[in-house]
Amino acid sequence: MNVDNTFSDNLAVFLSKRNYATGQWRGYRQKFEDNGIIFKVDYTSDMFSNVAGGIESNSVHLDNIDITSMTKWLKEFRSSSGSY
């Protein structure tokens, strides 16, 4: 069976040429970073299955999206105190 991966291949090439998956937000991302604010998004997907034994066999899928903003003050504090 031959599967056409053109879309996923093109998407991988497109995203590999970018520093951020969501772009620069019309320049606002750089302005935030210049002022010490960094945004980060993490996605975690977990699959758990009971394939044998127990009362019943079942699978569970868990998704987690973490959206955080961080500041650079801790990094600057550590480097100014002589440890990093």
C-alpha atoms as a PDB file:
ATOM      1  CA  MET A   1       0.000   0.000   0.000  1.00  0.00           C
ATOM      2  CA  ASN A   2       1.490   3.324  -1.067  1.00  0.00           C
ATOM      3  CA  VAL A   3       0.547   6.205   1.221  1.00  0.00           C
ATOM      4  CA  ASP A   4       0.885   9.774  -0.069  1.00  0.00           C
ATOM      5  CA  ASN A   5       2.774  11.762   2.573  1.00  0.00           C
ATOM      6  CA  THR A   6       2.911  14.977   0.545  1.00  0.00           C
ATOM      7  CA  PHE A   7       0.989  17.081   3.074  1.00  0.00           C
ATOM      8  CA  SER A   8       2.972  15.884   6.100  1.00  0.00           C
ATOM      9  CA  ASP A   9       6.260  16.220   4.203  1.00  0.00           C
ATOM     10  CA  ASN A  10       5.389  19.769   3.128  1.00  0.00           C
ATOM     11  CA  LEU A  11       4.293  20.665   6.656  1.00  0.00           C
ATOM     12  CA  ALA A  12       7.554  19.322   8.107  1.00  0.00           C
ATOM     13  CA  VAL A  13       9.598  21.393   5.639  1.00  0.00           C
ATOM     14  CA  PHE A  14       7.483  24.496   6.336  1.00  0.00           C
ATOM     15  CA  LEU A  15       7.829  24.194  10.117  1.00  0.00           C
ATOM     16  CA  SER A  16      11.547  23.378   9.969  1.00  0.00           C
ATOM     17  CA  LYS A  17      12.203  26.766   8.344  1.00  0.00           C
ATOM     18  CA  ARG A  18      10.540  28.639  11.209  1.00  0.00           C
ATOM     19  CA  ASN A  19      11.929  29.433  14.641  1.00  0.00           C
ATOM     20  CA  TYR A  20       8.439  29.166  16.152  1.00  0.00           C
ATOM     21  CA  ALA A  21       5.486  27.054  15.005  1.00  0.00           C
ATOM     22  CA  THR A  22       3.045  29.951  15.478  1.00  0.00           C
ATOM     23  CA  GLY A  23       5.228  32.596  13.846  1.00  0.00           C
ATOM     24  CA  GLN A  24       6.256  36.005  15.140  1.00  0.00           C
ATOM     25  CA  TRP A  25       2.763  37.380  15.914  1.00  0.00           C
ATOM     26  CA  ARG A  26       3.311  40.497  13.767  1.00  0.00           C
ATOM     27  CA  GLY A  27       6.472  41.304  15.715  1.00  0.00           C
ATOM     28  CA  TYR A  28       4.915  41.070  19.180  1.00  0.00           C
ATOM     29  CA  ARG A  29       6.761  37.858  20.070  1.00  0.00           C
ATOM     30  CA  GLN A  30      10.126  39.603  19.691  1.00  0.00           C
ATOM     31  CA  LYS A  31       8.893  42.606  21.689  1.00  0.00           C
ATOM     32  CA  PHE A  32       7.839  40.290  24.528  1.00  0.00           C
ATOM     33  CA  GLU A  33      11.195  38.472  24.440  1.00  0.00           C
ATOM     34  CA  ASP A  34      13.078  41.788  24.433  1.00  0.00           C
ATOM     35  CA  ASN A  35      11.218  42.636  27.647  1.00  0.00           C
ATOM     36  CA  GLY A  36      11.987  39.270  29.243  1.00  0.00           C
ATOM     37  CA  ILE A  37       8.722  37.417  28.638  1.00  0.00           C
ATOM     38  CA  ILE A  38       8.850  34.020  26.923  1.00  0.00           C
ATOM     39  CA  PHE A  39       5.798  31.951  25.963  1.00  0.00           C
ATOM     40  CA  LYS A  40       5.887  28.181  25.788  1.00  0.00           C
ATOM     41  CA  VAL A  41       3.323  25.516  24.871  1.00  0.00           C
ATOM     42  CA  ASP A  42       3.845  21.832  25.696  1.00  0.00           C
ATOM     43  CA  TYR A  43       1.580  19.013  24.530  1.00  0.00           C
ATOM     44  CA  THR A  44       1.650  15.572  26.130  1.00  0.00           C
ATOM     45  CA  SER A  45      -0.371  12.576  25.004  1.00  0.00           C
ATOM     46  CA  ASP A  46      -0.478   9.362  27.039  1.00  0.00           C
ATOM     47  CA  MET A  47      -2.126   6.028  26.219  1.00  0.00           C
ATOM     48  CA  PHE A  48      -2.771   3.418  28.876  1.00  0.00           C
ATOM     49  CA  SER A  49      -4.149  -0.044  28.169  1.00  0.00           C
ATOM     50  CA  ASN A  50      -5.063  -3.115  30.149  1.00  0.00           C
ATOM     51  CA  VAL A  51      -4.636  -5.774  27.485  1.00  0.00           C
ATOM     52  CA  ALA A  52      -4.974  -8.826  29.731  1.00  0.00           C
ATOM     53  CA  GLY A  53      -6.214  -9.642  33.219  1.00  0.00           C
ATOM     54  CA  GLY A  54      -8.412  -7.692  35.548  1.00  0.00           C
ATOM     55  CA  ILE A  55     -12.163  -7.259  35.371  1.00  0.00           C
ATOM     56  CA  GLU A  56     -12.145  -5.762  31.862  1.00  0.00           C
ATOM     57  CA  SER A  57      -9.729  -4.854  29.101  1.00  0.00           C
ATOM     58  CA  ASN A  58      -9.814  -1.186  28.205  1.00  0.00           C
ATOM     59  CA  SER A  59      -7.732   1.708  26.911  1.00  0.00           C
ATOM     60  CA  VAL A  60      -7.572   5.287  28.123  1.00  0.00           C
ATOM     61  CA  HIS A  61      -6.124   8.273  26.267  1.00  0.00           C
ATOM     62  CA  LEU A  62      -5.066  11.370  28.190  1.00  0.00           C
ATOM     63  CA  ASP A  63      -4.162  14.749  26.658  1.00  0.00           C
ATOM     64  CA  ASN A  64      -2.469  17.615  28.421  1.00  0.00           C
ATOM     65  CA  ILE A  65      -1.662  21.074  27.056  1.00  0.00           C
ATOM     66  CA  ASP A  66       0.454  23.396  29.207  1.00  0.00           C
ATOM     67  CA  ILE A  67       0.655  27.051  28.238  1.00  0.00           C
ATOM     68  CA  THR A  68       3.210  28.965  30.246  1.00  0.00           C
ATOM     69  CA  SER A  69       4.918  32.311  30.215  1.00  0.00           C
ATOM     70  CA  MET A  70       8.331  32.693  31.752  1.00  0.00           C
ATOM     71  CA  THR A  71      10.532  35.614  32.558  1.00  0.00           C
ATOM     72  CA  LYS A  72      14.272  35.871  32.133  1.00  0.00           C
ATOM     73  CA  TRP A  73      14.884  37.441  35.546  1.00  0.00           C
ATOM     74  CA  LEU A  74      15.904  34.131  37.148  1.00  0.00           C
ATOM     75  CA  LYS A  75      18.518  33.480  34.476  1.00  0.00           C
ATOM     76  CA  GLU A  76      19.873  37.011  34.849  1.00  0.00           C
ATOM     77  CA  PHE A  77      19.881  36.713  38.659  1.00  0.00           C
ATOM     78  CA  ARG A  78      21.794  33.438  38.556  1.00  0.00           C
ATOM     79  CA  SER A  79      24.395  34.716  36.088  1.00  0.00           C
ATOM     80  CA  SER A  80      24.932  37.914  38.115  1.00  0.00           C
ATOM     81  CA  SER A  81      25.376  35.928  41.341  1.00  0.00           C
ATOM     82  CA  GLY A  82      28.179  33.848  39.830  1.00  0.00           C
ATOM     83  CA  SER A  83      26.295  30.581  39.407  1.00  0.00           C
ATOM     84  CA  TYR A  84      24.113  29.330  36.627  1.00  0.00           C
END
